[in-house]
């Protein structure tokens, strides 16, 4: 193999392995958090059903009631979304850091 023709996966196998491992752990964490919200989602849907029982045929009151039922869950999901976006932004910043040269330990930002 000629100098300079090696792929990044050949030069940095542990970096790519680390990225895959991190991605898997991140996906597992998101899955776990989503599963933990299931009881809250169920409670919100049960609350929505009770809105029909409490407000009979008044569609405005039913709609308002249903909106209130989902407020807590929506707030939690917005918070999780913001935290995920912050993490993604930090990861994107890390990916922009690259070596200046093959023989240098200095870093440059693209």
PDB file of N, CA and C in Angstrom:
ATOM      1  N   UNK A   1       0.845  -1.174   0.000  1.00  0.00           N
ATOM      2  CA  UNK A   1       0.000   0.000   0.000  1.00  0.00           C
ATOM      3  C   UNK A   1       0.889   1.235   0.000  1.00  0.00           C
ATOM      4  N   UNK A   2       0.586   2.204  -0.845  1.00  0.00           N
ATOM      5  CA  UNK A   2       1.377   3.418  -0.974  1.00  0.00           C
ATOM      6  C   UNK A   2       1.102   4.344   0.204  1.00  0.00           C
ATOM      7  N   UNK A   3       2.117   5.158   0.531  1.00  0.00           N
ATOM      8  CA  UNK A   3       1.967   6.115   1.615  1.00  0.00           C
ATOM      9  C   UNK A   3       0.829   7.074   1.288  1.00  0.00           C
ATOM     10  N   UNK A   4      -0.019   7.295   2.238  1.00  0.00           N
ATOM     11  CA  UNK A   4      -1.107   8.242   2.060  1.00  0.00           C
ATOM     12  C   UNK A   4      -2.353   7.656   1.430  1.00  0.00           C
ATOM     13  N   UNK A   5      -2.304   6.370   1.065  1.00  0.00           N
ATOM     14  CA  UNK A   5      -3.483   5.793   0.422  1.00  0.00           C
ATOM     15  C   UNK A   5      -4.347   4.998   1.382  1.00  0.00           C
ATOM     16  N   UNK A   6      -3.917   4.888   2.622  1.00  0.00           N
ATOM     17  CA  UNK A   6      -4.720   4.108   3.568  1.00  0.00           C
ATOM     18  C   UNK A   6      -5.983   4.875   3.929  1.00  0.00           C
ATOM     19  N   UNK A   7      -7.038   4.134   4.129  1.00  0.00           N
ATOM     20  CA  UNK A   7      -8.310   4.763   4.489  1.00  0.00           C
ATOM     21  C   UNK A   7      -8.283   5.154   5.955  1.00  0.00           C
ATOM     22  N   UNK A   8      -9.218   6.015   6.333  1.00  0.00           N
ATOM     23  CA  UNK A   8      -9.271   6.440   7.736  1.00  0.00           C
ATOM     24  C   UNK A   8      -9.580   5.266   8.653  1.00  0.00           C
ATOM     25  N   UNK A   9     -10.331   4.260   8.134  1.00  0.00           N
ATOM     26  CA  UNK A   9     -10.643   3.111   8.981  1.00  0.00           C
ATOM     27  C   UNK A   9      -9.405   2.274   9.251  1.00  0.00           C
ATOM     28  N   UNK A  10      -8.444   2.278   8.317  1.00  0.00           N
ATOM     29  CA  UNK A  10      -7.191   1.559   8.560  1.00  0.00           C
ATOM     30  C   UNK A  10      -6.299   2.344   9.505  1.00  0.00           C
ATOM     31  N   UNK A  11      -6.320   3.661   9.398  1.00  0.00           N
ATOM     32  CA  UNK A  11      -5.471   4.489  10.250  1.00  0.00           C
ATOM     33  C   UNK A  11      -6.027   4.634  11.657  1.00  0.00           C
ATOM     34  N   UNK A  12      -7.321   4.675  11.803  1.00  0.00           N
ATOM     35  CA  UNK A  12      -7.931   4.945  13.096  1.00  0.00           C
ATOM     36  C   UNK A  12      -9.006   3.914  13.437  1.00  0.00           C
ATOM     37  N   UNK A  13      -8.650   2.634  13.483  1.00  0.00           N
ATOM     38  CA  UNK A  13      -9.701   1.647  13.750  1.00  0.00           C
ATOM     39  C   UNK A  13     -10.350   1.840  15.118  1.00  0.00           C
ATOM     40  N   UNK A  14      -9.560   2.218  16.110  1.00  0.00           N
ATOM     41  CA  UNK A  14     -10.146   2.361  17.444  1.00  0.00           C
ATOM     42  C   UNK A  14     -11.079   3.572  17.518  1.00  0.00           C
ATOM     43  N   UNK A  15     -10.802   4.597  16.726  1.00  0.00           N
ATOM     44  CA  UNK A  15     -11.667   5.771  16.696  1.00  0.00           C
ATOM     45  C   UNK A  15     -13.039   5.402  16.136  1.00  0.00           C
ATOM     46  N   UNK A  16     -13.055   4.666  15.038  1.00  0.00           N
ATOM     47  CA  UNK A  16     -14.330   4.251  14.453  1.00  0.00           C
ATOM     48  C   UNK A  16     -15.055   3.260  15.355  1.00  0.00           C
ATOM     49  N   UNK A  17     -14.297   2.370  15.985  1.00  0.00           N
ATOM     50  CA  UNK A  17     -14.918   1.434  16.927  1.00  0.00           C
ATOM     51  C   UNK A  17     -15.532   2.205  18.092  1.00  0.00           C
ATOM     52  N   UNK A  18     -14.812   3.200  18.569  1.00  0.00           N
ATOM     53  CA  UNK A  18     -15.319   4.027  19.659  1.00  0.00           C
ATOM     54  C   UNK A  18     -16.584   4.771  19.262  1.00  0.00           C
ATOM     55  N   UNK A  19     -16.596   5.279  18.029  1.00  0.00           N
ATOM     56  CA  UNK A  19     -17.784   5.991  17.541  1.00  0.00           C
ATOM     57  C   UNK A  19     -18.977   5.047  17.444  1.00  0.00           C
ATOM     58  N   UNK A  20     -18.748   3.841  16.937  1.00  0.00           N
ATOM     59  CA  UNK A  20     -19.845   2.860  16.843  1.00  0.00           C
ATOM     60  C   UNK A  20     -20.344   2.480  18.231  1.00  0.00           C
ATOM     61  N   UNK A  21     -19.412   2.282  19.147  1.00  0.00           N
ATOM     62  CA  UNK A  21     -19.785   1.922  20.516  1.00  0.00           C
ATOM     63  C   UNK A  21     -20.600   3.050  21.160  1.00  0.00           C
ATOM     64  N   UNK A  22     -20.141   4.285  20.971  1.00  0.00           N
ATOM     65  CA  UNK A  22     -20.864   5.428  21.523  1.00  0.00           C
ATOM     66  C   UNK A  22     -22.259   5.513  20.924  1.00  0.00           C
ATOM     67  N   UNK A  23     -22.364   5.345  19.595  1.00  0.00           N
ATOM     68  CA  UNK A  23     -23.660   5.412  18.919  1.00  0.00           C
ATOM     69  C   UNK A  23     -24.612   4.368  19.484  1.00  0.00           C
ATOM     70  N   UNK A  24     -24.116   3.147  19.689  1.00  0.00           N
ATOM     71  CA  UNK A  24     -24.946   2.061  20.228  1.00  0.00           C
ATOM     72  C   UNK A  24     -25.419   2.410  21.639  1.00  0.00           C
ATOM     73  N   UNK A  25     -24.497   2.898  22.473  1.00  0.00           N
ATOM     74  CA  UNK A  25     -24.862   3.269  23.842  1.00  0.00           C
ATOM     75  C   UNK A  25     -25.872   4.413  23.853  1.00  0.00           C
ATOM     76  N   UNK A  26     -25.694   5.368  22.955  1.00  0.00           N
ATOM     77  CA  UNK A  26     -26.619   6.494  22.864  1.00  0.00           C
ATOM     78  C   UNK A  26     -28.006   6.010  22.455  1.00  0.00           C
ATOM     79  N   UNK A  27     -28.071   5.146  21.446  1.00  0.00           N
ATOM     80  CA  UNK A  27     -29.355   4.601  21.004  1.00  0.00           C
ATOM     81  C   UNK A  27     -30.021   3.780  22.102  1.00  0.00           C
ATOM     82  N   UNK A  28     -29.218   3.010  22.847  1.00  0.00           N
ATOM     83  CA  UNK A  28     -29.764   2.235  23.966  1.00  0.00           C
ATOM     84  C   UNK A  28     -30.335   3.155  25.046  1.00  0.00           C
ATOM     85  N   UNK A  29     -29.638   4.264  25.306  1.00  0.00           N
ATOM     86  CA  UNK A  29     -30.103   5.214  26.314  1.00  0.00           C
ATOM     87  C   UNK A  29     -31.433   5.839  25.878  1.00  0.00           C
ATOM     88  N   UNK A  30     -31.529   6.242  24.616  1.00  0.00           N
ATOM     89  CA  UNK A  30     -32.767   6.834  24.105  1.00  0.00           C
ATOM     90  C   UNK A  30     -33.905   5.824  24.198  1.00  0.00           C
ATOM     91  N   UNK A  31     -33.618   4.580  23.846  1.00  0.00           N
ATOM     92  CA  UNK A  31     -34.633   3.527  23.929  1.00  0.00           C
ATOM     93  C   UNK A  31     -35.096   3.338  25.372  1.00  0.00           C
ATOM     94  N   UNK A  32     -34.145   3.321  26.297  1.00  0.00           N
ATOM     95  CA  UNK A  32     -34.474   3.157  27.711  1.00  0.00           C
ATOM     96  C   UNK A  32     -35.329   4.323  28.218  1.00  0.00           C
ATOM     97  N   UNK A  33     -34.945   5.541  27.845  1.00  0.00           N
ATOM     98  CA  UNK A  33     -35.723   6.710  28.268  1.00  0.00           C
ATOM     99  C   UNK A  33     -37.130   6.673  27.687  1.00  0.00           C
ATOM    100  N   UNK A  34     -37.236   6.264  26.442  1.00  0.00           N
ATOM    101  CA  UNK A  34     -38.549   6.174  25.801  1.00  0.00           C
ATOM    102  C   UNK A  34     -39.421   5.154  26.520  1.00  0.00           C
ATOM    103  N   UNK A  35     -38.845   4.007  26.860  1.00  0.00           N
ATOM    104  CA  UNK A  35     -39.608   2.982  27.581  1.00  0.00           C
ATOM    105  C   UNK A  35     -40.056   3.489  28.946  1.00  0.00           C
ATOM    106  N   UNK A  36     -39.209   4.305  29.578  1.00  0.00           N
ATOM    107  CA  UNK A  36     -39.555   4.823  30.899  1.00  0.00           C
ATOM    108  C   UNK A  36     -40.693   5.836  30.840  1.00  0.00           C
ATOM    109  N   UNK A  37     -40.933   6.405  29.658  1.00  0.00           N
ATOM    110  CA  UNK A  37     -42.044   7.356  29.528  1.00  0.00           C
ATOM    111  C   UNK A  37     -43.365   6.663  29.212  1.00  0.00           C
ATOM    112  N   UNK A  38     -43.340   5.372  28.934  1.00  0.00           N
ATOM    113  CA  UNK A  38     -44.577   4.668  28.576  1.00  0.00           C
ATOM    114  C   UNK A  38     -45.666   4.777  29.648  1.00  0.00           C
ATOM    115  N   UNK A  39     -45.350   4.600  30.939  1.00  0.00           N
ATOM    116  CA  UNK A  39     -46.411   4.760  31.948  1.00  0.00           C
ATOM    117  C   UNK A  39     -47.017   6.168  31.941  1.00  0.00           C
ATOM    118  N   UNK A  40     -46.188   7.171  31.719  1.00  0.00           N
ATOM    119  CA  UNK A  40     -46.686   8.544  31.646  1.00  0.00           C
ATOM    120  C   UNK A  40     -47.593   8.715  30.425  1.00  0.00           C
ATOM    121  N   UNK A  41     -47.203   8.129  29.309  1.00  0.00           N
ATOM    122  CA  UNK A  41     -48.040   8.200  28.106  1.00  0.00           C
ATOM    123  C   UNK A  41     -49.375   7.492  28.335  1.00  0.00           C
ATOM    124  N   UNK A  42     -49.317   6.352  28.995  1.00  0.00           N
ATOM    125  CA  UNK A  42     -50.556   5.622  29.277  1.00  0.00           C
ATOM    126  C   UNK A  42     -51.481   6.465  30.156  1.00  0.00           C
ATOM    127  N   UNK A  43     -50.893   7.067  31.190  1.00  0.00           N
ATOM    128  CA  UNK A  43     -51.683   7.899  32.096  1.00  0.00           C
ATOM    129  C   UNK A  43     -52.337   9.053  31.329  1.00  0.00           C
ATOM    130  N   UNK A  44     -51.599   9.643  30.395  1.00  0.00           N
ATOM    131  CA  UNK A  44     -52.149  10.747  29.601  1.00  0.00           C
ATOM    132  C   UNK A  44     -53.318  10.272  28.744  1.00  0.00           C
ATOM    133  N   UNK A  45     -53.184   9.101  28.138  1.00  0.00           N
ATOM    134  CA  UNK A  45     -54.280   8.595  27.311  1.00  0.00           C
ATOM    135  C   UNK A  45     -55.494   8.202  28.155  1.00  0.00           C
ATOM    136  N   UNK A  46     -55.249   7.637  29.335  1.00  0.00           N
ATOM    137  CA  UNK A  46     -56.369   7.323  30.228  1.00  0.00           C
ATOM    138  C   UNK A  46     -57.073   8.607  30.667  1.00  0.00           C
ATOM    139  N   UNK A  47     -56.286   9.640  30.910  1.00  0.00           N
ATOM    140  CA  UNK A  47     -56.845  10.945  31.266  1.00  0.00           C
ATOM    141  C   UNK A  47     -57.724  11.459  30.125  1.00  0.00           C
ATOM    142  N   UNK A  48     -57.255  11.282  28.892  1.00  0.00           N
ATOM    143  CA  UNK A  48     -58.044  11.728  27.729  1.00  0.00           C
ATOM    144  C   UNK A  48     -59.383  11.002  27.649  1.00  0.00           C
ATOM    145  N   UNK A  49     -59.370   9.716  27.915  1.00  0.00           N
ATOM    146  CA  UNK A  49     -60.625   8.958  27.896  1.00  0.00           C
ATOM    147  C   UNK A  49     -61.570   9.501  28.960  1.00  0.00           C
ATOM    148  N   UNK A  50     -61.030   9.814  30.121  1.00  0.00           N
ATOM    149  CA  UNK A  50     -61.889  10.331  31.192  1.00  0.00           C
ATOM    150  C   UNK A  50     -62.458  11.709  30.843  1.00  0.00           C
ATOM    151  N   UNK A  51     -61.779  12.447  29.970  1.00  0.00           N
ATOM    152  CA  UNK A  51     -62.309  13.748  29.539  1.00  0.00           C
ATOM    153  C   UNK A  51     -63.672  13.576  28.879  1.00  0.00           C
ATOM    154  N   UNK A  52     -63.823  12.503  28.111  1.00  0.00           N
ATOM    155  CA  UNK A  52     -65.107  12.246  27.452  1.00  0.00           C
ATOM    156  C   UNK A  52     -66.190  11.940  28.481  1.00  0.00           C
ATOM    157  N   UNK A  53     -65.805  11.220  29.535  1.00  0.00           N
ATOM    158  CA  UNK A  53     -66.780  10.877  30.578  1.00  0.00           C
ATOM    159  C   UNK A  53     -67.199  12.112  31.384  1.00  0.00           C
ATOM    160  N   UNK A  54     -66.244  12.979  31.667  1.00  0.00           N
ATOM    161  CA  UNK A  54     -66.525  14.150  32.507  1.00  0.00           C
ATOM    162  C   UNK A  54     -67.273  15.254  31.773  1.00  0.00           C
ATOM    163  N   UNK A  55     -66.990  15.419  30.486  1.00  0.00           N
ATOM    164  CA  UNK A  55     -67.525  16.581  29.767  1.00  0.00           C
ATOM    165  C   UNK A  55     -68.572  16.223  28.715  1.00  0.00           C
ATOM    166  N   UNK A  56     -69.011  14.985  28.730  1.00  0.00           N
ATOM    167  CA  UNK A  56     -70.083  14.517  27.841  1.00  0.00           C
ATOM    168  C   UNK A  56     -69.896  14.975  26.399  1.00  0.00           C
ATOM    169  N   UNK A  57     -70.796  15.828  25.920  1.00  0.00           N
ATOM    170  CA  UNK A  57     -70.785  16.210  24.506  1.00  0.00           C
ATOM    171  C   UNK A  57     -70.202  17.602  24.248  1.00  0.00           C
ATOM    172  N   UNK A  58     -69.576  18.201  25.248  1.00  0.00           N
ATOM    173  CA  UNK A  58     -69.010  19.548  25.071  1.00  0.00           C
ATOM    174  C   UNK A  58     -67.605  19.419  24.471  1.00  0.00           C
ATOM    175  N   UNK A  59     -67.524  19.529  23.154  1.00  0.00           N
ATOM    176  CA  UNK A  59     -66.257  19.276  22.456  1.00  0.00           C
ATOM    177  C   UNK A  59     -65.158  20.263  22.837  1.00  0.00           C
ATOM    178  N   UNK A  60     -65.506  21.488  23.185  1.00  0.00           N
ATOM    179  CA  UNK A  60     -64.504  22.476  23.580  1.00  0.00           C
ATOM    180  C   UNK A  60     -63.869  22.068  24.908  1.00  0.00           C
ATOM    181  N   UNK A  61     -64.700  21.704  25.876  1.00  0.00           N
ATOM    182  CA  UNK A  61     -64.176  21.270  27.178  1.00  0.00           C
ATOM    183  C   UNK A  61     -63.387  19.975  27.045  1.00  0.00           C
ATOM    184  N   UNK A  62     -63.837  19.071  26.198  1.00  0.00           N
ATOM    185  CA  UNK A  62     -63.110  17.812  25.977  1.00  0.00           C
ATOM    186  C   UNK A  62     -61.729  18.111  25.403  1.00  0.00           C
ATOM    187  N   UNK A  63     -61.673  18.996  24.412  1.00  0.00           N
ATOM    188  CA  UNK A  63     -60.388  19.347  23.791  1.00  0.00           C
ATOM    189  C   UNK A  63     -59.449  20.001  24.798  1.00  0.00           C
ATOM    190  N   UNK A  64     -59.972  20.933  25.604  1.00  0.00           N
ATOM    191  CA  UNK A  64     -59.154  21.589  26.631  1.00  0.00           C
ATOM    192  C   UNK A  64     -58.641  20.571  27.648  1.00  0.00           C
ATOM    193  N   UNK A  65     -59.513  19.684  28.061  1.00  0.00           N
ATOM    194  CA  UNK A  65     -59.150  18.643  29.023  1.00  0.00           C
ATOM    195  C   UNK A  65     -58.037  17.761  28.457  1.00  0.00           C
ATOM    196  N   UNK A  66     -58.183  17.360  27.205  1.00  0.00           N
ATOM    197  CA  UNK A  66     -57.183  16.494  26.576  1.00  0.00           C
ATOM    198  C   UNK A  66     -55.838  17.206  26.448  1.00  0.00           C
ATOM    199  N   UNK A  67     -55.870  18.487  26.166  1.00  0.00           N
ATOM    200  CA  UNK A  67     -54.631  19.268  26.085  1.00  0.00           C
ATOM    201  C   UNK A  67     -53.914  19.252  27.431  1.00  0.00           C
ATOM    202  N   UNK A  68     -54.675  19.450  28.503  1.00  0.00           N
ATOM    203  CA  UNK A  68     -54.082  19.420  29.851  1.00  0.00           C
ATOM    204  C   UNK A  68     -53.507  18.039  30.170  1.00  0.00           C
ATOM    205  N   UNK A  69     -54.169  16.998  29.704  1.00  0.00           N
ATOM    206  CA  UNK A  69     -53.703  15.630  29.973  1.00  0.00           C
ATOM    207  C   UNK A  69     -52.301  15.382  29.409  1.00  0.00           C
ATOM    208  N   UNK A  70     -51.998  16.004  28.289  1.00  0.00           N
ATOM    209  CA  UNK A  70     -50.727  15.741  27.602  1.00  0.00           C
ATOM    210  C   UNK A  70     -49.614  16.727  27.959  1.00  0.00           C
ATOM    211  N   UNK A  71     -49.911  17.749  28.735  1.00  0.00           N
ATOM    212  CA  UNK A  71     -48.919  18.791  29.000  1.00  0.00           C
ATOM    213  C   UNK A  71     -47.656  18.271  29.677  1.00  0.00           C
ATOM    214  N   UNK A  72     -47.786  17.451  30.695  1.00  0.00           N
ATOM    215  CA  UNK A  72     -46.614  16.969  31.422  1.00  0.00           C
ATOM    216  C   UNK A  72     -45.725  16.124  30.509  1.00  0.00           C
ATOM    217  N   UNK A  73     -46.312  15.205  29.784  1.00  0.00           N
ATOM    218  CA  UNK A  73     -45.539  14.350  28.889  1.00  0.00           C
ATOM    219  C   UNK A  73     -44.850  15.134  27.792  1.00  0.00           C
ATOM    220  N   UNK A  74     -45.547  16.123  27.250  1.00  0.00           N
ATOM    221  CA  UNK A  74     -44.957  16.951  26.204  1.00  0.00           C
ATOM    222  C   UNK A  74     -43.789  17.764  26.744  1.00  0.00           C
ATOM    223  N   UNK A  75     -43.895  18.252  27.965  1.00  0.00           N
ATOM    224  CA  UNK A  75     -42.801  19.014  28.577  1.00  0.00           C
ATOM    225  C   UNK A  75     -41.570  18.130  28.755  1.00  0.00           C
ATOM    226  N   UNK A  76     -41.785  16.913  29.191  1.00  0.00           N
ATOM    227  CA  UNK A  76     -40.667  15.979  29.364  1.00  0.00           C
ATOM    228  C   UNK A  76     -40.022  15.673  28.018  1.00  0.00           C
ATOM    229  N   UNK A  77     -40.839  15.425  27.002  1.00  0.00           N
ATOM    230  CA  UNK A  77     -40.294  15.107  25.683  1.00  0.00           C
ATOM    231  C   UNK A  77     -39.537  16.300  25.095  1.00  0.00           C
ATOM    232  N   UNK A  78     -40.018  17.516  25.308  1.00  0.00           N
ATOM    233  CA  UNK A  78     -39.299  18.710  24.826  1.00  0.00           C
ATOM    234  C   UNK A  78     -37.948  18.828  25.517  1.00  0.00           C
ATOM    235  N   UNK A  79     -37.922  18.550  26.812  1.00  0.00           N
ATOM    236  CA  UNK A  79     -36.674  18.608  27.564  1.00  0.00           C
ATOM    237  C   UNK A  79     -35.676  17.574  27.046  1.00  0.00           C
ATOM    238  N   UNK A  80     -36.150  16.354  26.825  1.00  0.00           N
ATOM    239  CA  UNK A  80     -35.277  15.312  26.276  1.00  0.00           C
ATOM    240  C   UNK A  80     -34.776  15.695  24.889  1.00  0.00           C
ATOM    241  N   UNK A  81     -35.635  16.272  24.083  1.00  0.00           N
ATOM    242  CA  UNK A  81     -35.247  16.695  22.733  1.00  0.00           C
ATOM    243  C   UNK A  81     -34.160  17.768  22.798  1.00  0.00           C
ATOM    244  N   UNK A  82     -34.318  18.739  23.694  1.00  0.00           N
ATOM    245  CA  UNK A  82     -33.306  19.796  23.840  1.00  0.00           C
ATOM    246  C   UNK A  82     -31.970  19.206  24.257  1.00  0.00           C
ATOM    247  N   UNK A  83     -31.982  18.296  25.229  1.00  0.00           N
ATOM    248  CA  UNK A  83     -30.739  17.687  25.690  1.00  0.00           C
ATOM    249  C   UNK A  83     -30.075  16.873  24.578  1.00  0.00           C
ATOM    250  N   UNK A  84     -30.873  16.185  23.790  1.00  0.00           N
ATOM    251  CA  UNK A  84     -30.341  15.413  22.667  1.00  0.00           C
ATOM    252  C   UNK A  84     -29.712  16.347  21.637  1.00  0.00           C
ATOM    253  N   UNK A  85     -30.345  17.470  21.373  1.00  0.00           N
ATOM    254  CA  UNK A  85     -29.808  18.439  20.419  1.00  0.00           C
ATOM    255  C   UNK A  85     -28.499  19.035  20.916  1.00  0.00           C
ATOM    256  N   UNK A  86     -28.400  19.325  22.213  1.00  0.00           N
ATOM    257  CA  UNK A  86     -27.159  19.847  22.783  1.00  0.00           C
ATOM    258  C   UNK A  86     -26.043  18.821  22.620  1.00  0.00           C
ATOM    259  N   UNK A  87     -26.334  17.570  22.937  1.00  0.00           N
ATOM    260  CA  UNK A  87     -25.337  16.514  22.787  1.00  0.00           C
ATOM    261  C   UNK A  87     -24.918  16.379  21.328  1.00  0.00           C
ATOM    262  N   UNK A  88     -25.875  16.408  20.412  1.00  0.00           N
ATOM    263  CA  UNK A  88     -25.556  16.290  18.988  1.00  0.00           C
ATOM    264  C   UNK A  88     -24.674  17.449  18.535  1.00  0.00           C
ATOM    265  N   UNK A  89     -24.952  18.637  19.023  1.00  0.00           N
ATOM    266  CA  UNK A  89     -24.148  19.805  18.681  1.00  0.00           C
ATOM    267  C   UNK A  89     -22.710  19.633  19.164  1.00  0.00           C
ATOM    268  N   UNK A  90     -22.552  19.116  20.368  1.00  0.00           N
ATOM    269  CA  UNK A  90     -21.206  18.883  20.902  1.00  0.00           C
ATOM    270  C   UNK A  90     -20.481  17.813  20.101  1.00  0.00           C
ATOM    271  N   UNK A  91     -21.193  16.774  19.704  1.00  0.00           N
ATOM    272  CA  UNK A  91     -20.581  15.727  18.881  1.00  0.00           C
ATOM    273  C   UNK A  91     -20.161  16.283  17.528  1.00  0.00           C
ATOM    274  N   UNK A  92     -21.007  17.113  16.943  1.00  0.00           N
ATOM    275  CA  UNK A  92     -20.670  17.730  15.661  1.00  0.00           C
ATOM    276  C   UNK A  92     -19.407  18.571  15.787  1.00  0.00           C
ATOM    277  N   UNK A  93     -19.278  19.311  16.896  1.00  0.00           N
ATOM    278  CA  UNK A  93     -18.080  20.120  17.121  1.00  0.00           C
ATOM    279  C   UNK A  93     -16.841  19.250  17.231  1.00  0.00           C
ATOM    280  N   UNK A  94     -16.963  18.125  17.898  1.00  0.00           N
ATOM    281  CA  UNK A  94     -15.829  17.207  18.037  1.00  0.00           C
ATOM    282  C   UNK A  94     -15.403  16.648  16.682  1.00  0.00           C
ATOM    283  N   UNK A  95     -16.354  16.401  15.807  1.00  0.00           N
ATOM    284  CA  UNK A  95     -16.030  15.840  14.501  1.00  0.00           C
ATOM    285  C   UNK A  95     -15.330  16.851  13.607  1.00  0.00           C
ATOM    286  N   UNK A  96     -15.439  18.133  13.912  1.00  0.00           N
ATOM    287  CA  UNK A  96     -14.784  19.156  13.104  1.00  0.00           C
ATOM    288  C   UNK A  96     -13.309  19.294  13.436  1.00  0.00           C
ATOM    289  N   UNK A  97     -12.858  18.711  14.543  1.00  0.00           N
ATOM    290  CA  UNK A  97     -11.454  18.757  14.926  1.00  0.00           C
ATOM    291  C   UNK A  97     -10.720  17.704  14.109  1.00  0.00           C
ATOM    292  N   UNK A  98      -9.622  18.124  13.443  1.00  0.00           N
ATOM    293  CA  UNK A  98      -8.868  17.177  12.629  1.00  0.00           C
ATOM    294  C   UNK A  98      -7.377  17.446  12.802  1.00  0.00           C
ATOM    295  N   UNK A  99      -6.512  16.446  12.566  1.00  0.00           N
ATOM    296  CA  UNK A  99      -5.067  16.667  12.669  1.00  0.00           C
ATOM    297  C   UNK A  99      -4.590  17.609  11.569  1.00  0.00           C
ATOM    298  N   UNK A 100      -3.552  18.448  11.877  1.00  0.00           N
ATOM    299  CA  UNK A 100      -2.950  19.306  10.862  1.00  0.00           C
ATOM    300  C   UNK A 100      -2.196  18.478   9.833  1.00  0.00           C
ATOM    301  N   UNK A 101      -1.455  17.492  10.294  1.00  0.00           N
ATOM    302  CA  UNK A 101      -0.713  16.616   9.390  1.00  0.00           C
ATOM    303  C   UNK A 101      -0.626  15.242  10.018  1.00  0.00           C
ATOM    304  N   UNK A 102      -0.186  14.293   9.225  1.00  0.00           N
ATOM    305  CA  UNK A 102      -0.083  12.922   9.731  1.00  0.00           C
ATOM    306  C   UNK A 102       0.953  12.798  10.841  1.00  0.00           C
ATOM    307  N   UNK A 103       1.992  13.596  10.793  1.00  0.00           N
ATOM    308  CA  UNK A 103       3.087  13.474  11.755  1.00  0.00           C
ATOM    309  C   UNK A 103       2.993  14.502  12.875  1.00  0.00           C
ATOM    310  N   UNK A 104       1.869  15.166  12.968  1.00  0.00           N
ATOM    311  CA  UNK A 104       1.728  16.223  13.953  1.00  0.00           C
ATOM    312  C   UNK A 104       0.669  15.854  14.980  1.00  0.00           C
ATOM    313  N   UNK A 105       0.922  16.234  16.197  1.00  0.00           N
ATOM    314  CA  UNK A 105      -0.089  16.013  17.230  1.00  0.00           C
ATOM    315  C   UNK A 105      -0.964  17.250  17.397  1.00  0.00           C
ATOM    316  N   UNK A 106      -0.681  18.304  16.590  1.00  0.00           N
ATOM    317  CA  UNK A 106      -1.489  19.516  16.658  1.00  0.00           C
ATOM    318  C   UNK A 106      -2.839  19.279  16.002  1.00  0.00           C
ATOM    319  N   UNK A 107      -3.806  20.033  16.422  1.00  0.00           N
ATOM    320  CA  UNK A 107      -5.150  19.903  15.873  1.00  0.00           C
ATOM    321  C   UNK A 107      -5.567  21.203  15.205  1.00  0.00           C
ATOM    322  N   UNK A 108      -6.384  21.063  14.196  1.00  0.00           N
ATOM    323  CA  UNK A 108      -6.964  22.232  13.530  1.00  0.00           C
ATOM    324  C   UNK A 108      -8.472  22.076  13.548  1.00  0.00           C
ATOM    325  N   UNK A 109      -9.148  23.182  13.448  1.00  0.00           N
ATOM    326  CA  UNK A 109     -10.611  23.148  13.387  1.00  0.00           C
ATOM    327  C   UNK A 109     -11.026  23.502  11.972  1.00  0.00           C
ATOM    328  N   UNK A 110     -11.899  22.675  11.394  1.00  0.00           N
ATOM    329  CA  UNK A 110     -12.339  22.969  10.024  1.00  0.00           C
ATOM    330  C   UNK A 110     -13.532  23.860  10.015  1.00  0.00           C
TER     331      UNK A 110
END
